[in-house]
Amino acid sequence: MRGRAWDRPSSSSRREMEALRSMLLQCVEMLQMAPSLLLGSAELLMEGDLVVPRTRNALACGNNACLWKKSSNGKVEVPYTVSSSFSSYEKGAIETAMSVFNTQTCIKFVPRSSESDYVAIENRDGCFSSLGRTGGRQELSLKRDGCVYHGIIQHELNHALGFYHEQTRSDRDQYVTINWEYIDPTTYHNFQKQITNNLDTPYDYSSVMHYGRYAFTTQYGKETITPIPDSRVEIGQRMGLSRTDIQRINKLYGCCE
């Protein structure tokens, strides 16, 4: 998977793959709900795995203050630390997930030396991240039991770069139907549209940032997100960054300038 973006499979086993993927995603989405039990009054949990400090306006995260800074060499270096609680294998998985950003965008995740702003990757109770650069130490959680997988790691890293979930795009109603009747009202916030900078890119069903069709469902087998006009379109993959994900990172950070 190193250095490659995810492409939609074309084999006849798509239906079986979708069933397995949906089952796995429901497990991941349960993990993404866990942090809400742990966060104190200084933070607000938004969109399941997206942590936004109460003192910060998440909707303003399209401006440069929320982005990681580009250096004179054209690279955007994002310092990080990894908790010693992760095994060598898990640390390798994290580094492999980062390598796609390093090779296909101008984002370069670098081990922290003394930088004041950095991402601290920890083994907390769930998979979650802050939105964009928040300043100082910002935590990104990858629970060892369920979150240390290629696409999930990239999903959370993409939040740290400033990206929302795909299905909250301002134009999402043209591409998906949200089935509110199968969503617990206490989790409605996970499906609210945001004022987003879509970077002149198309809606991406295959984005690693897209929720699965059963995300936060209250009834087994009932979809909370249905693609339109073709309801059979696959959504919610966690294999890795899509080509459009990579394109957006490059556009947001001016990687081709």
C-alpha atoms as a PDB file:
ATOM      1  CA  MET A   1       0.000   0.000   0.000  1.00  0.00           C
ATOM      2  CA  ARG A   2       3.006   2.306   0.406  1.00  0.00           C
ATOM      3  CA  GLY A   3       2.857   5.226  -2.013  1.00  0.00           C
ATOM      4  CA  ARG A   4      -0.451   4.257  -3.621  1.00  0.00           C
ATOM      5  CA  ALA A   5      -3.952   5.694  -3.590  1.00  0.00           C
ATOM      6  CA  TRP A   6      -7.026   3.493  -3.291  1.00  0.00           C
ATOM      7  CA  ASP A   7      -8.984   2.581  -6.446  1.00  0.00           C
ATOM      8  CA  ARG A   8     -12.438   1.019  -6.524  1.00  0.00           C
ATOM      9  CA  PRO A   9     -12.292  -2.773  -6.981  1.00  0.00           C
ATOM     10  CA  SER A  10     -13.844  -4.190 -10.129  1.00  0.00           C
ATOM     11  CA  SER A  11     -14.229  -7.876  -9.220  1.00  0.00           C
ATOM     12  CA  SER A  12     -17.531  -9.768  -9.009  1.00  0.00           C
ATOM     13  CA  SER A  13     -17.150 -10.057  -5.233  1.00  0.00           C
ATOM     14  CA  ARG A  14     -18.098  -6.431  -4.572  1.00  0.00           C
ATOM     15  CA  ARG A  15     -21.306  -7.388  -2.782  1.00  0.00           C
ATOM     16  CA  GLU A  16     -19.469  -9.647  -0.315  1.00  0.00           C
ATOM     17  CA  MET A  17     -16.767  -7.015   0.165  1.00  0.00           C
ATOM     18  CA  GLU A  18     -19.396  -4.359   0.850  1.00  0.00           C
ATOM     19  CA  ALA A  19     -21.058  -6.539   3.497  1.00  0.00           C
ATOM     20  CA  LEU A  20     -17.725  -7.166   5.228  1.00  0.00           C
ATOM     21  CA  ARG A  21     -16.716  -3.520   4.944  1.00  0.00           C
ATOM     22  CA  SER A  22     -20.023  -2.365   6.409  1.00  0.00           C
ATOM     23  CA  MET A  23     -19.608  -4.715   9.351  1.00  0.00           C
ATOM     24  CA  LEU A  24     -16.063  -3.492   9.997  1.00  0.00           C
ATOM     25  CA  LEU A  25     -17.085   0.141   9.653  1.00  0.00           C
ATOM     26  CA  GLN A  26     -19.842  -0.272  12.219  1.00  0.00           C
ATOM     27  CA  CYS A  27     -17.180  -1.490  14.647  1.00  0.00           C
ATOM     28  CA  VAL A  28     -14.949   1.476  13.814  1.00  0.00           C
ATOM     29  CA  GLU A  29     -17.836   3.917  14.178  1.00  0.00           C
ATOM     30  CA  MET A  30     -18.567   2.499  17.633  1.00  0.00           C
ATOM     31  CA  LEU A  31     -14.935   3.194  18.543  1.00  0.00           C
ATOM     32  CA  GLN A  32     -15.299   6.712  17.194  1.00  0.00           C
ATOM     33  CA  MET A  33     -18.175   7.346  19.600  1.00  0.00           C
ATOM     34  CA  ALA A  34     -16.121   6.342  22.644  1.00  0.00           C
ATOM     35  CA  PRO A  35     -14.198   9.624  23.148  1.00  0.00           C
ATOM     36  CA  SER A  36     -17.412  11.496  23.993  1.00  0.00           C
ATOM     37  CA  LEU A  37     -17.276   9.807  27.386  1.00  0.00           C
ATOM     38  CA  LEU A  38     -13.784  11.094  28.080  1.00  0.00           C
ATOM     39  CA  LEU A  39     -13.682  14.702  26.915  1.00  0.00           C
ATOM     40  CA  GLY A  40     -13.763  17.464  29.501  1.00  0.00           C
ATOM     41  CA  SER A  41     -15.412  20.869  29.348  1.00  0.00           C
ATOM     42  CA  ALA A  42     -12.546  22.360  27.307  1.00  0.00           C
ATOM     43  CA  GLU A  43     -13.412  20.311  24.243  1.00  0.00           C
ATOM     44  CA  LEU A  44     -16.382  19.446  22.087  1.00  0.00           C
ATOM     45  CA  LEU A  45     -16.742  16.169  20.207  1.00  0.00           C
ATOM     46  CA  MET A  46     -18.080  16.789  16.719  1.00  0.00           C
ATOM     47  CA  GLU A  47     -18.801  14.338  13.897  1.00  0.00           C
ATOM     48  CA  GLY A  48     -17.973  11.268  15.970  1.00  0.00           C
ATOM     49  CA  ASP A  49     -14.177  11.235  15.732  1.00  0.00           C
ATOM     50  CA  LEU A  50     -13.501  14.939  15.229  1.00  0.00           C
ATOM     51  CA  VAL A  51     -12.478  16.888  18.329  1.00  0.00           C
ATOM     52  CA  VAL A  52     -12.925  20.654  18.247  1.00  0.00           C
ATOM     53  CA  PRO A  53     -11.937  22.866  21.220  1.00  0.00           C
ATOM     54  CA  ARG A  54     -14.862  24.946  22.478  1.00  0.00           C
ATOM     55  CA  THR A  55     -12.781  28.101  22.099  1.00  0.00           C
ATOM     56  CA  ARG A  56     -12.332  27.464  18.384  1.00  0.00           C
ATOM     57  CA  ASN A  57     -14.683  27.989  15.453  1.00  0.00           C
ATOM     58  CA  ALA A  58     -14.321  24.821  13.386  1.00  0.00           C
ATOM     59  CA  LEU A  59     -16.080  26.429  10.434  1.00  0.00           C
ATOM     60  CA  ALA A  60     -13.170  28.877  10.077  1.00  0.00           C
ATOM     61  CA  CYS A  61     -10.664  26.104   9.563  1.00  0.00           C
ATOM     62  CA  GLY A  62     -10.324  26.856   5.882  1.00  0.00           C
ATOM     63  CA  ASN A  63      -8.130  29.856   6.648  1.00  0.00           C
ATOM     64  CA  ASN A  64      -4.360  29.764   6.903  1.00  0.00           C
ATOM     65  CA  ALA A  65      -4.360  30.006  10.701  1.00  0.00           C
ATOM     66  CA  CYS A  66      -5.633  26.428  10.847  1.00  0.00           C
ATOM     67  CA  LEU A  67      -3.158  25.029   8.336  1.00  0.00           C
ATOM     68  CA  TRP A  68       0.304  23.686   8.959  1.00  0.00           C
ATOM     69  CA  LYS A  69       2.986  26.036   7.673  1.00  0.00           C
ATOM     70  CA  LYS A  70       4.910  25.521   4.463  1.00  0.00           C
ATOM     71  CA  SER A  71       8.685  25.833   4.752  1.00  0.00           C
ATOM     72  CA  SER A  72      11.030  27.490   2.267  1.00  0.00           C
ATOM     73  CA  ASN A  73      11.687  24.125   0.589  1.00  0.00           C
ATOM     74  CA  GLY A  74       8.018  23.810  -0.378  1.00  0.00           C
ATOM     75  CA  LYS A  75       7.303  21.046   2.127  1.00  0.00           C
ATOM     76  CA  VAL A  76       4.685  21.269   4.865  1.00  0.00           C
ATOM     77  CA  GLU A  77       6.325  19.599   7.832  1.00  0.00           C
ATOM     78  CA  VAL A  78       4.005  18.204  10.501  1.00  0.00           C
ATOM     79  CA  PRO A  79       5.955  17.171  13.608  1.00  0.00           C
ATOM     80  CA  TYR A  80       4.622  14.176  15.502  1.00  0.00           C
ATOM     81  CA  THR A  81       5.297  11.876  18.419  1.00  0.00           C
ATOM     82  CA  VAL A  82       4.122   8.294  18.878  1.00  0.00           C
ATOM     83  CA  SER A  83       3.343   6.864  22.299  1.00  0.00           C
ATOM     84  CA  SER A  84       5.668   4.166  23.584  1.00  0.00           C
ATOM     85  CA  SER A  85       2.569   2.043  24.265  1.00  0.00           C
ATOM     86  CA  PHE A  86       2.451   1.088  20.579  1.00  0.00           C
ATOM     87  CA  SER A  87       4.334  -2.016  19.437  1.00  0.00           C
ATOM     88  CA  SER A  88       7.041  -1.902  16.775  1.00  0.00           C
ATOM     89  CA  TYR A  89       4.563  -3.380  14.294  1.00  0.00           C
ATOM     90  CA  GLU A  90       1.961  -0.706  15.103  1.00  0.00           C
ATOM     91  CA  LYS A  91       4.532   2.066  14.816  1.00  0.00           C
ATOM     92  CA  GLY A  92       5.450   0.628  11.423  1.00  0.00           C
ATOM     93  CA  ALA A  93       1.793   0.733  10.352  1.00  0.00           C
ATOM     94  CA  ILE A  94       1.598   4.393  11.362  1.00  0.00           C
ATOM     95  CA  GLU A  95       4.767   5.229   9.433  1.00  0.00           C
ATOM     96  CA  THR A  96       3.505   3.356   6.364  1.00  0.00           C
ATOM     97  CA  ALA A  97       0.230   5.308   6.429  1.00  0.00           C
ATOM     98  CA  MET A  98       2.195   8.553   6.702  1.00  0.00           C
ATOM     99  CA  SER A  99       4.436   7.590   3.785  1.00  0.00           C
ATOM    100  CA  VAL A 100       1.611   8.121   1.273  1.00  0.00           C
ATOM    101  CA  PHE A 101       1.297  11.755   2.366  1.00  0.00           C
ATOM    102  CA  ASN A 102       5.084  12.086   2.214  1.00  0.00           C
ATOM    103  CA  THR A 103       5.378  10.717  -1.329  1.00  0.00           C
ATOM    104  CA  GLN A 104       2.196  11.984  -3.012  1.00  0.00           C
ATOM    105  CA  THR A 105       1.719  15.406  -1.418  1.00  0.00           C
ATOM    106  CA  CYS A 106       3.929  18.152  -0.009  1.00  0.00           C
ATOM    107  CA  ILE A 107       2.937  17.074   3.507  1.00  0.00           C
ATOM    108  CA  LYS A 108       5.836  15.519   5.359  1.00  0.00           C
ATOM    109  CA  PHE A 109       5.239  13.991   8.770  1.00  0.00           C
ATOM    110  CA  VAL A 110       8.485  14.310  10.703  1.00  0.00           C
ATOM    111  CA  PRO A 111       9.433  13.061  14.188  1.00  0.00           C
ATOM    112  CA  ARG A 112       9.241  15.970  16.619  1.00  0.00           C
ATOM    113  CA  SER A 113      12.438  17.468  17.963  1.00  0.00           C
ATOM    114  CA  SER A 114      11.547  20.658  19.847  1.00  0.00           C
ATOM    115  CA  GLU A 115       8.652  22.108  17.821  1.00  0.00           C
ATOM    116  CA  SER A 116       5.881  23.686  19.901  1.00  0.00           C
ATOM    117  CA  ASP A 117       3.080  22.670  17.512  1.00  0.00           C
ATOM    118  CA  TYR A 118       2.854  18.934  16.924  1.00  0.00           C
ATOM    119  CA  VAL A 119       0.573  15.895  16.706  1.00  0.00           C
ATOM    120  CA  ALA A 120       0.834  13.485  19.627  1.00  0.00           C
ATOM    121  CA  ILE A 121      -0.366  10.031  18.571  1.00  0.00           C
ATOM    122  CA  GLU A 122      -1.728   8.236  21.625  1.00  0.00           C
ATOM    123  CA  ASN A 123      -3.496   5.003  22.511  1.00  0.00           C
ATOM    124  CA  ARG A 124      -6.744   6.405  23.928  1.00  0.00           C
ATOM    125  CA  ASP A 125     -10.274   4.983  24.004  1.00  0.00           C
ATOM    126  CA  GLY A 126     -11.211   5.398  20.348  1.00  0.00           C
ATOM    127  CA  CYS A 127     -10.103   6.831  16.996  1.00  0.00           C
ATOM    128  CA  PHE A 128     -10.245  10.641  16.978  1.00  0.00           C
ATOM    129  CA  SER A 129      -8.362  13.795  16.047  1.00  0.00           C
ATOM    130  CA  SER A 130      -8.529  17.568  16.227  1.00  0.00           C
ATOM    131  CA  LEU A 131      -9.433  19.552  13.112  1.00  0.00           C
ATOM    132  CA  GLY A 132      -6.437  21.247  11.512  1.00  0.00           C
ATOM    133  CA  ARG A 133      -3.503  22.762  13.377  1.00  0.00           C
ATOM    134  CA  THR A 134      -4.735  23.848  16.798  1.00  0.00           C
ATOM    135  CA  GLY A 135      -1.448  25.108  18.235  1.00  0.00           C
ATOM    136  CA  GLY A 136       0.712  23.392  20.832  1.00  0.00           C
ATOM    137  CA  ARG A 137       0.332  19.706  21.539  1.00  0.00           C
ATOM    138  CA  GLN A 138      -2.718  18.223  19.813  1.00  0.00           C
ATOM    139  CA  GLU A 139      -3.727  14.665  20.446  1.00  0.00           C
ATOM    140  CA  LEU A 140      -4.645  12.110  17.808  1.00  0.00           C
ATOM    141  CA  SER A 141      -5.954   8.865  19.262  1.00  0.00           C
ATOM    142  CA  LEU A 142      -5.506   5.459  17.679  1.00  0.00           C
ATOM    143  CA  LYS A 143      -6.798   2.831  20.062  1.00  0.00           C
ATOM    144  CA  ARG A 144      -4.585  -0.220  19.649  1.00  0.00           C
ATOM    145  CA  ASP A 145      -7.601  -2.510  19.555  1.00  0.00           C
ATOM    146  CA  GLY A 146      -9.359  -1.354  16.398  1.00  0.00           C
ATOM    147  CA  CYS A 147      -7.793   1.860  15.090  1.00  0.00           C
ATOM    148  CA  VAL A 148      -4.259   0.999  13.954  1.00  0.00           C
ATOM    149  CA  TYR A 149      -5.148   0.217  10.355  1.00  0.00           C
ATOM    150  CA  HIS A 150      -3.877   1.931   7.213  1.00  0.00           C
ATOM    151  CA  GLY A 151      -7.038   3.756   6.144  1.00  0.00           C
ATOM    152  CA  ILE A 152      -8.154   4.637   9.670  1.00  0.00           C
ATOM    153  CA  ILE A 153      -4.752   6.159  10.430  1.00  0.00           C
ATOM    154  CA  GLN A 154      -4.921   8.206   7.228  1.00  0.00           C
ATOM    155  CA  HIS A 155      -8.503   9.256   8.042  1.00  0.00           C
ATOM    156  CA  GLU A 156      -7.443  10.707  11.390  1.00  0.00           C
ATOM    157  CA  LEU A 157      -4.283  12.298   9.960  1.00  0.00           C
ATOM    158  CA  ASN A 158      -6.444  13.987   7.334  1.00  0.00           C
ATOM    159  CA  HIS A 159      -8.563  15.510  10.107  1.00  0.00           C
ATOM    160  CA  ALA A 160      -5.349  16.879  11.622  1.00  0.00           C
ATOM    161  CA  LEU A 161      -4.597  18.503   8.255  1.00  0.00           C
ATOM    162  CA  GLY A 162      -7.975  20.285   8.319  1.00  0.00           C
ATOM    163  CA  PHE A 163     -10.439  18.038   6.480  1.00  0.00           C
ATOM    164  CA  TYR A 164     -14.040  17.339   7.490  1.00  0.00           C
ATOM    165  CA  HIS A 165     -15.982  14.172   6.727  1.00  0.00           C
ATOM    166  CA  GLU A 166     -17.021  13.970   3.085  1.00  0.00           C
ATOM    167  CA  GLN A 167     -20.750  13.545   3.754  1.00  0.00           C
ATOM    168  CA  THR A 168     -20.864  16.897   5.603  1.00  0.00           C
ATOM    169  CA  ARG A 169     -19.888  18.856   2.467  1.00  0.00           C
ATOM    170  CA  SER A 170     -22.071  21.878   1.820  1.00  0.00           C
ATOM    171  CA  ASP A 171     -23.347  20.299  -1.419  1.00  0.00           C
ATOM    172  CA  ARG A 172     -23.847  16.773  -0.091  1.00  0.00           C
ATOM    173  CA  ASP A 173     -27.629  16.696  -0.632  1.00  0.00           C
ATOM    174  CA  GLN A 174     -26.998  16.325  -4.358  1.00  0.00           C
ATOM    175  CA  TYR A 175     -25.072  13.094  -3.759  1.00  0.00           C
ATOM    176  CA  VAL A 176     -26.432  11.354  -0.649  1.00  0.00           C
ATOM    177  CA  THR A 177     -29.668  11.101   1.280  1.00  0.00           C
ATOM    178  CA  ILE A 178     -29.436  11.217   5.067  1.00  0.00           C
ATOM    179  CA  ASN A 179     -32.041   8.882   6.569  1.00  0.00           C
ATOM    180  CA  TRP A 180     -32.741  10.758   9.792  1.00  0.00           C
ATOM    181  CA  GLU A 181     -35.403   8.267  10.904  1.00  0.00           C
ATOM    182  CA  TYR A 182     -32.683   5.677  11.582  1.00  0.00           C
ATOM    183  CA  ILE A 183     -30.352   8.038  13.450  1.00  0.00           C
ATOM    184  CA  ASP A 184     -30.434   8.561  17.204  1.00  0.00           C
ATOM    185  CA  PRO A 185     -31.242  12.273  17.748  1.00  0.00           C
ATOM    186  CA  THR A 186     -28.306  12.533  20.155  1.00  0.00           C
ATOM    187  CA  THR A 187     -25.966  11.790  17.225  1.00  0.00           C
ATOM    188  CA  TYR A 188     -27.582  14.123  14.670  1.00  0.00           C
ATOM    189  CA  HIS A 189     -24.549  16.418  14.864  1.00  0.00           C
ATOM    190  CA  ASN A 190     -22.524  13.773  13.021  1.00  0.00           C
ATOM    191  CA  PHE A 191     -24.645  14.359   9.912  1.00  0.00           C
ATOM    192  CA  GLN A 192     -25.031  18.140   9.886  1.00  0.00           C
ATOM    193  CA  LYS A 193     -23.767  19.917   6.790  1.00  0.00           C
ATOM    194  CA  GLN A 194     -20.794  22.235   7.230  1.00  0.00           C
ATOM    195  CA  ILE A 195     -19.705  25.352   5.390  1.00  0.00           C
ATOM    196  CA  THR A 196     -16.844  23.727   3.538  1.00  0.00           C
ATOM    197  CA  ASN A 197     -14.202  24.716   1.027  1.00  0.00           C
ATOM    198  CA  ASN A 198     -14.654  21.990  -1.572  1.00  0.00           C
ATOM    199  CA  LEU A 199     -11.565  23.122  -3.508  1.00  0.00           C
ATOM    200  CA  ASP A 200     -13.365  22.766  -6.857  1.00  0.00           C
ATOM    201  CA  THR A 201     -13.240  18.983  -6.558  1.00  0.00           C
ATOM    202  CA  PRO A 202     -16.119  16.551  -7.156  1.00  0.00           C
ATOM    203  CA  TYR A 203     -17.985  14.774  -4.381  1.00  0.00           C
ATOM    204  CA  ASP A 204     -15.968  11.642  -3.666  1.00  0.00           C
ATOM    205  CA  TYR A 205     -17.889   8.521  -2.639  1.00  0.00           C
ATOM    206  CA  SER A 206     -14.557   6.676  -2.401  1.00  0.00           C
ATOM    207  CA  SER A 207     -12.946   9.219  -0.052  1.00  0.00           C
ATOM    208  CA  VAL A 208     -11.338   7.803   3.058  1.00  0.00           C
ATOM    209  CA  MET A 209     -13.201  10.629   4.830  1.00  0.00           C
ATOM    210  CA  HIS A 210     -16.679   9.319   3.890  1.00  0.00           C
ATOM    211  CA  TYR A 211     -18.822   7.559   6.497  1.00  0.00           C
ATOM    212  CA  GLY A 212     -20.235   4.135   5.725  1.00  0.00           C
ATOM    213  CA  ARG A 213     -23.894   3.667   4.871  1.00  0.00           C
ATOM    214  CA  TYR A 214     -24.762   2.278   8.332  1.00  0.00           C
ATOM    215  CA  ALA A 215     -22.926   4.899  10.406  1.00  0.00           C
ATOM    216  CA  PHE A 216     -24.641   5.447  13.788  1.00  0.00           C
ATOM    217  CA  THR A 217     -27.726   3.483  12.743  1.00  0.00           C
ATOM    218  CA  THR A 218     -30.293   2.686  15.421  1.00  0.00           C
ATOM    219  CA  GLN A 219     -31.661  -0.323  13.531  1.00  0.00           C
ATOM    220  CA  TYR A 220     -29.498  -3.139  12.245  1.00  0.00           C
ATOM    221  CA  GLY A 221     -29.494  -3.251   8.456  1.00  0.00           C
ATOM    222  CA  LYS A 222     -31.032   0.216   8.046  1.00  0.00           C
ATOM    223  CA  GLU A 223     -28.918   2.736   6.153  1.00  0.00           C
ATOM    224  CA  THR A 224     -28.289   6.182   7.568  1.00  0.00           C
ATOM    225  CA  ILE A 225     -26.559   7.349   4.371  1.00  0.00           C
ATOM    226  CA  THR A 226     -27.774   6.352   0.907  1.00  0.00           C
ATOM    227  CA  PRO A 227     -25.897   7.436  -2.238  1.00  0.00           C
ATOM    228  CA  ILE A 228     -27.990   9.072  -4.976  1.00  0.00           C
ATOM    229  CA  PRO A 229     -28.951   8.620  -7.724  1.00  0.00           C
ATOM    230  CA  ASP A 230     -27.259   5.189  -7.669  1.00  0.00           C
ATOM    231  CA  SER A 231     -27.805   3.651  -4.238  1.00  0.00           C
ATOM    232  CA  ARG A 232     -25.386   0.828  -5.069  1.00  0.00           C
ATOM    233  CA  VAL A 233     -22.330   3.079  -5.055  1.00  0.00           C
ATOM    234  CA  GLU A 234     -19.782   1.985  -2.454  1.00  0.00           C
ATOM    235  CA  ILE A 235     -19.075   4.427   0.367  1.00  0.00           C
ATOM    236  CA  GLY A 236     -17.047   4.378   3.541  1.00  0.00           C
ATOM    237  CA  GLN A 237     -13.884   2.581   2.436  1.00  0.00           C
ATOM    238  CA  ARG A 238     -10.938   2.557   4.840  1.00  0.00           C
ATOM    239  CA  MET A 239      -8.343   1.095   2.499  1.00  0.00           C
ATOM    240  CA  GLY A 240      -6.548   4.420   2.174  1.00  0.00           C
ATOM    241  CA  LEU A 241      -6.546   7.881   0.624  1.00  0.00           C
ATOM    242  CA  SER A 242      -8.403   8.117  -2.670  1.00  0.00           C
ATOM    243  CA  ARG A 243      -6.991   9.993  -5.641  1.00  0.00           C
ATOM    244  CA  THR A 244      -9.349  12.874  -4.911  1.00  0.00           C
ATOM    245  CA  ASP A 245      -8.254  12.928  -1.255  1.00  0.00           C
ATOM    246  CA  ILE A 246      -4.681  13.367  -2.463  1.00  0.00           C
ATOM    247  CA  GLN A 247      -5.712  16.024  -4.977  1.00  0.00           C
ATOM    248  CA  ARG A 248      -7.465  18.019  -2.248  1.00  0.00           C
ATOM    249  CA  ILE A 249      -4.482  17.915   0.089  1.00  0.00           C
ATOM    250  CA  ASN A 250      -2.276  19.215  -2.705  1.00  0.00           C
ATOM    251  CA  LYS A 251      -4.755  21.996  -3.534  1.00  0.00           C
ATOM    252  CA  LEU A 252      -5.397  23.059   0.068  1.00  0.00           C
ATOM    253  CA  TYR A 253      -1.696  23.306   0.848  1.00  0.00           C
ATOM    254  CA  GLY A 254      -0.611  24.670  -2.530  1.00  0.00           C
ATOM    255  CA  CYS A 255       1.669  21.733  -3.166  1.00  0.00           C
ATOM    256  CA  CYS A 256       1.896  22.410  -6.901  1.00  0.00           C
ATOM    257  CA  GLU A 257       2.675  26.110  -6.599  1.00  0.00           C
END
